Amino acid sequence: MTDTAGTDPATTARTTRPNILLICTDQQRFSALAAYDNPEIHTPHLDRLAGDGVLFENCYVQNPVCGPSRASLMTGRYVHAHGEWANGVALPAHERLFTRELADAGYDCGLVGKLHLAACHSGRTEQRLDDGFRVFRWAHDPYKGSSENAYHRWLKASRPDLYQAALDPDSPVTFDAMPTEAHYSRWIGNETIDYLRSGRDKDAPFCFIANFFDPHHGFGAPKEYLDRYDPDALSRPVTTPGELNGKPEIYTEASEKSYAGHAKGFTEYSADELQQTKAAYYAMVSLVDDEVGRILQALDDEGLTDDTVVIFTSDHGEMLGDHQLMLKGPMMYEEAVRVPLLIRWPGTIPAGRRCADLVQWIDIAPTLFEAAGLATSRAHQGDSLLPVATGTGGWQRDWALCEHRNSSHPYDPPVHTTMLRHDRWKIVVHHGDPATSRRRTGELYDLSADPHELRNLWDHPAHAATRTSLQERLLDVLVATEDRSQEREADW
């Protein structure tokens, strides 16, 4: 405990409350890190971060696409509670972001990169909430869009030749494959380092969020990173012949065309193209890894490491050809909804811990509140991860919930799926009437016997009792996760 007697209040706040650095990627499945036992990918800096803190083996997001998932991160609430049920839907203005709460408590808050709490399509500038960010370097993605995209402003000013070339459809230069020094991910790294060195309020603790766009498609990277991977040496997609015959019909539809017909489907890729895509995906992760290394070095150089909680995670996963699917959407496979989560806090979280408990994205905001010494908001629906991360307490919740409410590119008829992970089991309900005119069906997997989710037991007579039990538990979970944050003032 630091002795704060007789010290300046600003200094007291700085020495008793940790800084917070949240690093988030986009569309990075849990296995796209060497620390998650993947020998194919090179991520030495993130592996170091994992080794210095705790690695959560089973972290689930609350929705398999960007906007609703990020709203759950920023509010600490389930999708059916916060109301941003799909991409292109704005988070209601009354919802409180954890950064607003931290700013009110004296934290200097900043963000660089993507936020995605409102519509950003067709050049729209994202509507900004009362978010608490003093520093706001918004850039939804690396592509040509809103005039408020800070990356494009920087690129146009610093490298007008590359900016103009990327706008030319006949040019070999693309925003995805920019040279490293001009790449979106390098810009995120530079902005984060600049904040740590000179942009922060040095009289206050900080909370800074670095939101990378990679490894989101379109599957491009600087040549020096592509050259690190041999496509032919990488593993092939995880599937079996005829796998989709025993799965809900939407997967056959999505296999033929991704994003409800708006993107290339698995069946349109050749075997070589699938391998090249995986290599590019890994290359994007390695680029982010190098930028994380630069950021961690800046923390060291500024003497901030010991006083900073660092979190690394991603908003959802990527199918990458597994189960004969690409990208994301209504699917609830592990590759789509399970993400990396690493937390380092020197002197508080022991190095080298691995946690197998079922945790969720809604747990991150309460974790940061406990680290900052703040009471958890009544609206938060998650729990702090610090007791299990530090080894000072157990973990009680033995389930994870994920909801898709036609949340990706809209399907017609709508596709609504709800996943419950409990113990060794995963159940996914594909809803029917009256939610949608699609046929009610589902998936049931024994993750102990079938970790790759290849055999759907939904209609298997031997597992009928298990299915019924899990469906009943899902109903109980949905009741338990309703929003009851409004205070009851009296009995009537």
Protein backbone atom coordinates (compact mmCIF):
# COMPACT_ATOMS: atom_id res chain seq x y z
CA MET A 1 0.00 0.00 0.00
CA THR A 2 1.38 3.42 -0.97
CA ASP A 3 1.68 5.98 1.85
CA THR A 4 -0.29 8.98 0.62
CA ALA A 5 -0.20 11.14 3.76
CA GLY A 6 0.50 14.77 2.96
CA THR A 7 0.66 14.26 -0.79
CA ASP A 8 -1.03 16.21 -3.55
CA PRO A 9 -4.51 14.79 -4.42
CA ALA A 10 -3.57 14.38 -8.08
CA THR A 11 -0.48 12.41 -7.12
CA THR A 12 -2.55 10.32 -4.72
CA ALA A 13 -4.95 9.40 -7.52
CA ARG A 14 -2.10 8.49 -9.81
CA THR A 15 -0.33 6.21 -7.33
CA THR A 16 -3.36 4.45 -5.83
CA ARG A 17 -5.39 3.83 -8.99
CA PRO A 18 -3.88 1.95 -11.91
CA ASN A 19 -3.84 3.16 -15.48
CA ILE A 20 -5.89 1.10 -17.94
CA LEU A 21 -4.84 0.17 -21.47
CA LEU A 22 -7.44 -1.83 -23.40
CA ILE A 23 -6.22 -3.23 -26.72
CA CYS A 24 -8.93 -4.72 -28.91
CA THR A 25 -8.74 -6.30 -32.34
CA ASP A 26 -11.58 -7.00 -34.75
CA GLN A 27 -12.58 -10.51 -35.80
CA GLN A 28 -9.75 -12.40 -34.08
CA ARG A 29 -10.76 -15.90 -33.04
CA PHE A 30 -9.32 -17.29 -29.83
CA SER A 31 -6.93 -19.67 -31.61
CA ALA A 32 -5.18 -16.90 -33.58
CA LEU A 33 -2.49 -16.57 -30.93
CA ALA A 34 0.45 -18.86 -30.26
CA ALA A 35 -0.34 -18.59 -26.54
CA TYR A 36 -3.61 -20.42 -27.24
CA ASP A 37 -1.60 -23.45 -28.36
CA ASN A 38 -1.42 -22.59 -32.05
CA PRO A 39 2.10 -23.41 -33.33
CA GLU A 40 1.37 -22.02 -36.80
CA ILE A 41 1.12 -18.34 -35.89
CA HIS A 42 3.88 -15.99 -34.72
CA THR A 43 2.78 -13.67 -31.89
CA PRO A 44 5.77 -13.25 -29.55
CA HIS A 45 4.68 -9.94 -28.00
CA LEU A 46 1.18 -11.09 -27.15
CA ASP A 47 2.63 -14.35 -25.89
CA ARG A 48 4.84 -12.31 -23.58
CA LEU A 49 1.78 -10.39 -22.39
CA ALA A 50 0.01 -13.69 -21.68
CA GLY A 51 3.05 -14.99 -19.82
CA ASP A 52 3.19 -11.88 -17.66
CA GLY A 53 -0.44 -12.14 -16.54
CA VAL A 54 -3.52 -14.32 -16.92
CA LEU A 55 -4.87 -16.01 -20.05
CA PHE A 56 -8.58 -16.80 -20.07
CA GLU A 57 -9.11 -19.95 -22.10
CA ASN A 58 -12.90 -19.66 -22.44
CA CYS A 59 -13.96 -16.05 -22.98
CA TYR A 60 -17.22 -15.60 -24.93
CA VAL A 61 -18.60 -12.46 -26.54
CA GLN A 62 -22.29 -11.60 -26.30
CA ASN A 63 -22.89 -11.38 -30.06
CA PRO A 64 -20.93 -12.77 -33.03
CA VAL A 65 -20.79 -9.44 -34.92
CA CYS A 66 -19.15 -6.10 -34.19
CA GLY A 67 -21.65 -3.49 -33.06
CA PRO A 68 -23.75 -5.43 -30.54
CA SER A 69 -20.65 -7.12 -29.15
CA ARG A 70 -18.82 -3.83 -28.64
CA ALA A 71 -21.89 -2.35 -26.99
CA SER A 72 -21.77 -5.21 -24.46
CA LEU A 73 -18.11 -4.47 -23.78
CA MET A 74 -18.66 -0.75 -23.26
CA THR A 75 -21.82 -1.08 -21.14
CA GLY A 76 -21.18 -4.38 -19.33
CA ARG A 77 -24.63 -5.53 -20.43
CA TYR A 78 -26.21 -8.28 -22.51
CA VAL A 79 -27.52 -7.48 -25.97
CA HIS A 80 -31.17 -7.81 -24.95
CA ALA A 81 -30.50 -5.31 -22.16
CA HIS A 82 -28.52 -2.55 -23.91
CA GLY A 83 -30.60 -2.53 -27.10
CA GLU A 84 -27.94 -2.36 -29.84
CA TRP A 85 -29.21 -5.60 -31.32
CA ALA A 86 -27.54 -5.37 -34.76
CA ASN A 87 -24.87 -3.63 -36.77
CA GLY A 88 -26.29 -0.31 -37.95
CA VAL A 89 -28.38 0.11 -34.79
CA ALA A 90 -27.38 2.93 -32.45
CA LEU A 91 -26.78 2.27 -28.77
CA PRO A 92 -29.55 4.15 -26.92
CA ALA A 93 -28.37 7.47 -25.54
CA HIS A 94 -29.34 6.58 -21.97
CA GLU A 95 -26.85 3.69 -21.84
CA ARG A 96 -23.73 4.53 -19.80
CA LEU A 97 -20.31 3.57 -21.11
CA PHE A 98 -17.69 2.47 -18.60
CA THR A 99 -15.40 5.21 -19.93
CA ARG A 100 -17.96 7.86 -18.95
CA GLU A 101 -17.97 6.46 -15.42
CA LEU A 102 -14.17 6.35 -15.28
CA ALA A 103 -13.91 9.92 -16.60
CA ASP A 104 -16.34 11.08 -13.91
CA ALA A 105 -14.06 9.38 -11.37
CA GLY A 106 -11.04 11.34 -12.55
CA TYR A 107 -9.60 9.16 -15.30
CA ASP A 108 -8.21 10.71 -18.47
CA CYS A 109 -9.93 8.69 -21.20
CA GLY A 110 -8.94 8.33 -24.84
CA LEU A 111 -9.62 6.18 -27.89
CA VAL A 112 -8.03 5.52 -31.25
CA GLY A 113 -9.61 3.49 -34.04
CA LYS A 114 -12.98 1.81 -34.23
CA LEU A 115 -15.86 2.28 -31.79
CA HIS A 116 -18.98 1.06 -33.68
CA LEU A 117 -21.76 1.96 -31.28
CA ALA A 118 -23.86 3.42 -34.12
CA ALA A 119 -24.27 3.17 -37.89
CA CYS A 120 -21.13 3.83 -39.97
CA HIS A 121 -22.21 2.59 -43.41
CA SER A 122 -21.89 4.47 -46.71
CA GLY A 123 -19.62 7.23 -45.47
CA ARG A 124 -21.63 8.02 -42.35
CA THR A 125 -19.88 9.48 -39.35
CA GLU A 126 -20.67 7.48 -36.24
CA GLN A 127 -23.00 9.28 -33.87
CA ARG A 128 -21.05 9.93 -30.69
CA LEU A 129 -22.55 9.38 -27.25
CA ASP A 130 -21.57 11.01 -23.96
CA ASP A 131 -18.59 8.66 -23.85
CA GLY A 132 -16.09 10.38 -21.55
CA PHE A 133 -13.28 10.42 -24.12
CA ARG A 134 -11.12 13.54 -23.95
CA VAL A 135 -8.92 12.18 -26.75
CA PHE A 136 -10.98 10.78 -29.64
CA ARG A 137 -9.18 9.63 -32.80
CA TRP A 138 -12.08 7.86 -34.50
CA ALA A 139 -11.53 5.80 -37.65
CA HIS A 140 -14.12 3.11 -38.23
CA ASP A 141 -11.95 1.18 -40.71
CA PRO A 142 -9.11 1.79 -43.17
CA TYR A 143 -11.39 2.24 -46.18
CA LYS A 144 -12.65 5.40 -47.83
CA GLY A 145 -15.70 6.55 -45.93
CA SER A 146 -16.52 9.36 -43.53
CA SER A 147 -14.62 12.63 -43.85
CA GLU A 148 -14.13 12.39 -40.07
CA ASN A 149 -11.99 9.25 -40.39
CA ALA A 150 -8.81 10.30 -38.57
CA TYR A 151 -6.66 7.67 -40.28
CA HIS A 152 -7.57 8.99 -43.71
CA ARG A 153 -6.85 12.53 -42.62
CA TRP A 154 -3.43 11.43 -41.39
CA LEU A 155 -2.67 9.33 -44.48
CA LYS A 156 -3.76 12.08 -46.85
CA ALA A 157 -1.49 14.58 -45.09
CA SER A 158 1.54 12.35 -44.53
CA ARG A 159 1.49 10.08 -47.59
CA PRO A 160 -0.71 11.70 -50.25
CA ASP A 161 0.84 9.46 -52.92
CA LEU A 162 -0.31 6.27 -51.19
CA TYR A 163 -3.67 7.79 -50.31
CA GLN A 164 -4.41 8.67 -53.92
CA ALA A 165 -3.10 5.34 -55.19
CA ALA A 166 -5.39 3.40 -52.84
CA LEU A 167 -8.40 5.33 -54.18
CA ASP A 168 -7.55 4.26 -57.74
CA PRO A 169 -9.32 0.94 -58.51
CA ASP A 170 -6.64 0.12 -61.10
CA SER A 171 -3.74 0.63 -58.68
CA PRO A 172 -2.00 -2.31 -56.96
CA VAL A 173 -1.96 -0.25 -53.75
CA THR A 174 -4.86 -1.05 -51.43
CA PHE A 175 -5.74 0.11 -47.94
CA ASP A 176 -5.47 -3.48 -46.67
CA ALA A 177 -1.95 -3.98 -48.02
CA MET A 178 -0.44 -0.55 -47.39
CA PRO A 179 3.31 -0.50 -46.66
CA THR A 180 3.81 -1.04 -42.95
CA GLU A 181 4.76 2.56 -42.20
CA ALA A 182 1.44 3.77 -43.69
CA HIS A 183 -0.81 0.92 -42.56
CA TYR A 184 -3.88 1.41 -40.39
CA SER A 185 -2.45 -0.88 -37.71
CA ARG A 186 0.81 1.10 -37.59
CA TRP A 187 -1.26 4.27 -37.25
CA ILE A 188 -3.09 2.76 -34.28
CA GLY A 189 0.25 1.89 -32.71
CA ASN A 190 1.66 5.37 -33.35
CA GLU A 191 -1.37 7.15 -31.91
CA THR A 192 -1.33 4.96 -28.81
CA ILE A 193 2.39 5.55 -28.24
CA ASP A 194 1.98 9.30 -28.76
CA TYR A 195 -0.75 9.33 -26.13
CA LEU A 196 1.40 7.43 -23.65
CA ARG A 197 4.39 9.69 -24.21
CA SER A 198 2.86 13.13 -24.51
CA GLY A 199 -0.89 13.09 -25.06
CA ARG A 200 -2.15 12.00 -21.66
CA ASP A 201 -2.93 14.11 -18.65
CA LYS A 202 0.01 13.21 -16.45
CA ASP A 203 -1.80 14.42 -13.35
CA ALA A 204 -4.47 11.73 -13.62
CA PRO A 205 -4.67 7.97 -14.20
CA PHE A 206 -5.60 7.13 -17.77
CA CYS A 207 -7.89 4.73 -19.58
CA PHE A 208 -6.90 4.43 -23.21
CA ILE A 209 -8.55 2.13 -25.76
CA ALA A 210 -6.60 1.08 -28.86
CA ASN A 211 -9.03 -0.51 -31.32
CA PHE A 212 -7.30 -2.25 -34.22
CA PHE A 213 -9.31 -3.14 -37.33
CA ASP A 214 -7.23 -6.19 -38.25
CA PRO A 215 -7.56 -9.15 -38.67
CA HIS A 216 -10.95 -8.23 -40.15
CA HIS A 217 -11.43 -9.08 -43.81
CA GLY A 218 -10.53 -8.10 -46.60
CA PHE A 219 -7.56 -10.30 -45.80
CA GLY A 220 -4.61 -8.15 -46.82
CA ALA A 221 -1.34 -7.19 -45.16
CA PRO A 222 2.01 -5.57 -46.02
CA LYS A 223 4.21 -7.84 -48.11
CA GLU A 224 6.80 -8.24 -45.35
CA TYR A 225 4.13 -9.85 -43.17
CA LEU A 226 2.64 -12.00 -45.93
CA ASP A 227 6.12 -13.34 -46.58
CA ARG A 228 6.26 -14.74 -43.02
CA TYR A 229 3.72 -17.45 -43.84
CA ASP A 230 3.70 -20.29 -46.35
CA PRO A 231 0.05 -21.01 -47.19
CA ASP A 232 0.78 -24.64 -48.07
CA ALA A 233 2.34 -25.25 -44.65
CA LEU A 234 -0.79 -24.19 -42.74
CA SER A 235 -3.55 -26.47 -41.51
CA ARG A 236 -6.63 -27.01 -43.66
CA PRO A 237 -10.18 -26.00 -42.65
CA VAL A 238 -11.75 -28.10 -39.91
CA THR A 239 -14.74 -29.93 -41.37
CA THR A 240 -15.91 -33.33 -42.58
CA PRO A 241 -17.55 -34.35 -45.87
CA GLY A 242 -21.28 -33.72 -45.68
CA GLU A 243 -20.99 -31.90 -42.35
CA LEU A 244 -23.64 -29.32 -43.21
CA ASN A 245 -26.21 -32.01 -43.97
CA GLY A 246 -26.70 -32.45 -40.23
CA LYS A 247 -26.74 -28.74 -39.41
CA PRO A 248 -29.42 -26.02 -39.68
CA GLU A 249 -30.15 -24.95 -43.26
CA ILE A 250 -28.83 -21.42 -42.75
CA TYR A 251 -25.28 -22.82 -42.76
CA THR A 252 -25.66 -24.24 -46.27
CA GLU A 253 -26.99 -20.86 -47.32
CA ALA A 254 -24.09 -19.04 -45.64
CA SER A 255 -21.57 -21.48 -47.09
CA GLU A 256 -22.65 -20.53 -50.59
CA LYS A 257 -22.73 -16.78 -49.92
CA SER A 258 -21.47 -15.00 -46.82
CA TYR A 259 -23.16 -11.95 -45.28
CA ALA A 260 -26.63 -12.79 -46.60
CA GLY A 261 -25.34 -12.69 -50.16
CA HIS A 262 -23.12 -9.61 -49.78
CA ALA A 263 -19.77 -11.42 -49.64
CA LYS A 264 -17.99 -14.40 -51.15
CA GLY A 265 -18.97 -17.74 -49.63
CA PHE A 266 -16.83 -20.73 -48.72
CA THR A 267 -17.93 -22.69 -51.78
CA GLU A 268 -16.58 -19.92 -54.03
CA TYR A 269 -13.03 -20.31 -52.71
CA SER A 270 -10.58 -22.78 -54.20
CA ALA A 271 -8.47 -24.86 -51.83
CA ASP A 272 -5.46 -22.66 -52.60
CA GLU A 273 -7.44 -19.48 -51.99
CA LEU A 274 -8.51 -20.76 -48.59
CA GLN A 275 -4.88 -21.33 -47.63
CA GLN A 276 -3.85 -17.92 -48.92
CA THR A 277 -6.64 -16.35 -46.90
CA LYS A 278 -5.48 -18.08 -43.73
CA ALA A 279 -1.91 -16.92 -44.38
CA ALA A 280 -3.11 -13.33 -44.85
CA TYR A 281 -5.21 -13.57 -41.68
CA TYR A 282 -2.20 -14.74 -39.72
CA ALA A 283 -0.10 -11.97 -41.31
CA MET A 284 -2.58 -9.36 -40.09
CA VAL A 285 -2.38 -10.77 -36.56
CA SER A 286 1.42 -10.69 -36.68
CA LEU A 287 1.32 -7.03 -37.73
CA VAL A 288 -0.92 -6.24 -34.77
CA ASP A 289 1.41 -8.27 -32.55
CA ASP A 290 4.37 -6.12 -33.56
CA GLU A 291 2.38 -2.98 -32.84
CA VAL A 292 1.44 -4.35 -29.42
CA GLY A 293 5.15 -4.95 -28.85
CA ARG A 294 5.88 -1.31 -29.65
CA ILE A 295 3.11 -0.17 -27.30
CA LEU A 296 4.35 -2.37 -24.46
CA GLN A 297 7.85 -0.99 -24.99
CA ALA A 298 6.48 2.54 -24.74
CA LEU A 299 4.91 1.63 -21.39
CA ASP A 300 8.31 0.40 -20.26
CA ASP A 301 10.09 3.51 -21.54
CA GLU A 302 7.65 5.83 -19.78
CA GLY A 303 7.88 3.92 -16.51
CA LEU A 304 4.18 3.02 -16.68
CA THR A 305 4.29 -0.76 -16.81
CA ASP A 306 3.95 -1.49 -13.11
CA ASP A 307 1.04 0.93 -12.73
CA THR A 308 -0.98 -0.13 -15.77
CA VAL A 309 -3.59 -2.84 -16.24
CA VAL A 310 -3.27 -4.09 -19.82
CA ILE A 311 -6.15 -6.02 -21.41
CA PHE A 312 -5.99 -7.64 -24.84
CA THR A 313 -9.09 -9.10 -26.48
CA SER A 314 -11.24 -9.11 -29.65
CA ASP A 315 -14.88 -8.37 -30.43
CA HIS A 316 -15.68 -11.75 -32.07
CA GLY A 317 -14.04 -14.42 -34.20
CA GLU A 318 -13.72 -15.51 -37.82
CA MET A 319 -14.78 -18.83 -39.36
CA LEU A 320 -11.82 -18.92 -41.80
CA GLY A 321 -13.19 -21.92 -43.70
CA ASP A 322 -13.94 -24.11 -40.69
CA HIS A 323 -17.33 -25.84 -40.94
CA GLN A 324 -17.36 -24.75 -44.60
CA LEU A 325 -18.03 -21.14 -43.56
CA MET A 326 -16.25 -17.80 -43.91
CA LEU A 327 -16.38 -14.53 -41.99
CA LYS A 328 -19.13 -14.30 -39.35
CA GLY A 329 -22.89 -14.06 -38.99
CA PRO A 330 -25.55 -16.08 -37.17
CA MET A 331 -23.15 -18.94 -36.40
CA MET A 332 -22.21 -19.73 -32.80
CA TYR A 333 -19.22 -21.98 -33.34
CA GLU A 334 -16.23 -21.53 -31.04
CA GLU A 335 -14.35 -19.88 -33.90
CA ALA A 336 -17.00 -17.15 -34.06
CA VAL A 337 -17.85 -16.42 -30.42
CA ARG A 338 -14.79 -17.38 -28.37
CA VAL A 339 -12.04 -14.77 -28.24
CA PRO A 340 -8.65 -14.19 -26.65
CA LEU A 341 -8.59 -12.41 -23.30
CA LEU A 342 -5.29 -11.55 -21.63
CA ILE A 343 -4.93 -9.34 -18.54
CA ARG A 344 -1.64 -8.13 -17.06
CA TRP A 345 -1.33 -6.18 -13.83
CA PRO A 346 2.18 -6.48 -12.38
CA GLY A 347 2.26 -7.03 -8.65
CA THR A 348 -1.44 -7.90 -8.51
CA ILE A 349 -2.06 -10.67 -11.07
CA PRO A 350 0.52 -13.48 -10.82
CA ALA A 351 2.42 -14.17 -14.03
CA GLY A 352 1.67 -17.24 -16.11
CA ARG A 353 -1.86 -17.98 -14.90
CA ARG A 354 -4.38 -19.75 -17.13
CA CYS A 355 -8.07 -19.72 -16.29
CA ALA A 356 -10.49 -22.27 -17.75
CA ASP A 357 -13.67 -20.75 -16.26
CA LEU A 358 -16.46 -19.58 -18.57
CA VAL A 359 -16.16 -15.80 -18.67
CA GLN A 360 -17.75 -13.20 -20.91
CA TRP A 361 -17.17 -9.76 -22.40
CA ILE A 362 -19.67 -8.23 -19.97
CA ASP A 363 -17.18 -9.08 -17.20
CA ILE A 364 -14.52 -6.66 -18.46
CA ALA A 365 -16.20 -3.41 -17.34
CA PRO A 366 -16.77 -4.65 -13.75
CA THR A 367 -13.15 -5.83 -13.70
CA LEU A 368 -11.92 -2.37 -14.62
CA PHE A 369 -14.19 -0.79 -12.02
CA GLU A 370 -12.78 -3.00 -9.28
CA ALA A 371 -9.23 -2.24 -10.41
CA ALA A 372 -10.03 1.50 -10.28
CA GLY A 373 -11.60 1.19 -6.83
CA LEU A 374 -15.10 2.02 -8.06
CA ALA A 375 -18.34 0.38 -7.07
CA THR A 376 -19.86 -1.73 -9.83
CA SER A 377 -22.68 0.05 -11.64
CA ARG A 378 -26.20 -1.20 -10.93
CA ALA A 379 -26.59 -1.60 -14.67
CA HIS A 380 -23.60 -3.93 -15.04
CA GLN A 381 -24.60 -7.55 -15.57
CA GLY A 382 -21.14 -9.11 -15.39
CA ASP A 383 -18.73 -9.83 -12.57
CA SER A 384 -15.18 -8.72 -11.89
CA LEU A 385 -12.55 -11.16 -13.08
CA LEU A 386 -9.95 -9.98 -10.57
CA PRO A 387 -10.66 -12.60 -7.86
CA VAL A 388 -10.14 -15.51 -10.26
CA ALA A 389 -7.29 -13.71 -12.07
CA THR A 390 -5.39 -13.13 -8.85
CA GLY A 391 -6.27 -16.50 -7.35
CA THR A 392 -7.94 -14.87 -4.35
CA GLY A 393 -11.44 -16.07 -5.10
CA GLY A 394 -13.49 -18.59 -7.05
CA TRP A 395 -15.77 -18.20 -10.05
CA GLN A 396 -19.47 -18.91 -9.65
CA ARG A 397 -21.12 -18.48 -13.06
CA ASP A 398 -20.90 -21.74 -15.03
CA TRP A 399 -22.51 -20.61 -18.28
CA ALA A 400 -22.07 -18.14 -21.13
CA LEU A 401 -24.76 -16.51 -23.28
CA CYS A 402 -24.55 -15.23 -26.86
CA GLU A 403 -27.41 -13.77 -28.94
CA HIS A 404 -27.78 -13.07 -32.67
CA ARG A 405 -30.90 -11.14 -33.64
CA ASN A 406 -30.47 -10.89 -37.40
CA SER A 407 -27.50 -8.85 -36.24
CA SER A 408 -25.18 -9.17 -39.24
CA HIS A 409 -26.16 -8.35 -42.81
CA PRO A 410 -29.93 -8.87 -42.52
CA TYR A 411 -31.32 -12.14 -43.78
CA ASP A 412 -34.82 -12.46 -45.19
CA PRO A 413 -36.49 -14.18 -43.40
CA PRO A 414 -34.58 -13.03 -40.30
CA VAL A 415 -32.15 -15.38 -38.55
CA HIS A 416 -32.31 -15.36 -34.75
CA THR A 417 -30.01 -17.68 -32.81
CA THR A 418 -29.26 -17.96 -29.09
CA MET A 419 -26.34 -19.90 -27.63
CA LEU A 420 -25.83 -21.23 -24.13
CA ARG A 421 -22.52 -22.79 -23.14
CA HIS A 422 -22.81 -24.77 -19.92
CA ASP A 423 -20.30 -27.25 -18.56
CA ARG A 424 -19.26 -29.57 -21.44
CA TRP A 425 -22.33 -28.69 -23.50
CA LYS A 426 -23.27 -26.05 -26.03
CA ILE A 427 -26.82 -25.56 -27.23
CA VAL A 428 -27.77 -23.18 -30.04
CA VAL A 429 -31.45 -22.49 -30.61
CA HIS A 430 -32.37 -21.38 -34.13
CA HIS A 431 -35.65 -19.64 -33.41
CA GLY A 432 -38.84 -20.04 -35.43
CA ASP A 433 -42.39 -18.70 -35.29
CA PRO A 434 -43.31 -16.11 -34.02
CA ALA A 435 -39.78 -14.64 -34.08
CA THR A 436 -39.31 -15.51 -37.75
CA SER A 437 -40.89 -17.64 -40.44
CA ARG A 438 -37.78 -19.85 -40.55
CA ARG A 439 -38.08 -23.39 -39.25
CA ARG A 440 -37.31 -23.84 -35.58
CA THR A 441 -34.24 -26.05 -35.21
CA GLY A 442 -30.95 -26.05 -33.40
CA GLU A 443 -27.56 -27.46 -32.51
CA LEU A 444 -26.29 -29.47 -29.57
CA TYR A 445 -22.61 -30.30 -29.06
CA ASP A 446 -20.73 -32.28 -26.47
CA LEU A 447 -17.54 -30.22 -26.38
CA SER A 448 -15.73 -32.85 -24.37
CA ALA A 449 -16.25 -35.63 -26.91
CA ASP A 450 -16.50 -33.34 -29.96
CA PRO A 451 -14.42 -30.16 -29.35
CA HIS A 452 -14.60 -29.13 -33.01
CA GLU A 453 -18.43 -29.21 -33.06
CA LEU A 454 -18.65 -31.52 -36.05
CA ARG A 455 -21.52 -33.72 -34.85
CA ASN A 456 -24.85 -32.07 -34.17
CA LEU A 457 -26.77 -34.00 -31.49
CA TRP A 458 -29.93 -31.84 -31.61
CA ASP A 459 -32.14 -34.57 -33.07
CA HIS A 460 -30.28 -37.52 -31.54
CA PRO A 461 -32.72 -39.56 -29.40
CA ALA A 462 -30.05 -40.49 -26.87
CA HIS A 463 -29.51 -36.80 -26.05
CA ALA A 464 -33.15 -35.66 -25.98
CA ALA A 465 -33.13 -35.25 -22.18
CA THR A 466 -29.92 -33.19 -22.30
CA ARG A 467 -31.38 -30.95 -24.98
CA THR A 468 -34.57 -30.39 -22.96
CA SER A 469 -32.59 -29.64 -19.81
CA LEU A 470 -30.38 -27.11 -21.59
CA GLN A 471 -33.35 -25.42 -23.27
CA GLU A 472 -34.99 -25.03 -19.86
CA ARG A 473 -31.77 -23.66 -18.42
CA LEU A 474 -31.54 -21.20 -21.30
CA LEU A 475 -35.00 -19.88 -20.42
CA ASP A 476 -33.87 -19.43 -16.81
CA VAL A 477 -30.72 -17.62 -17.97
CA LEU A 478 -32.76 -15.25 -20.13
CA VAL A 479 -34.91 -14.39 -17.12
CA ALA A 480 -31.83 -13.95 -14.94
CA THR A 481 -30.26 -11.56 -17.46
CA GLU A 482 -33.25 -9.26 -17.91
CA ASP A 483 -32.53 -5.62 -17.11
CA ARG A 484 -33.69 -4.99 -13.57
CA SER A 485 -31.31 -2.12 -12.82
CA GLN A 486 -34.20 0.28 -12.26
CA GLU A 487 -34.41 0.73 -8.49
CA ARG A 488 -37.51 -0.53 -6.70
CA GLU A 489 -38.50 2.30 -4.37
CA ALA A 490 -41.23 0.52 -2.40
CA ASP A 491 -43.41 -2.58 -2.29
CA TRP A 492 -46.05 -0.80 -4.39
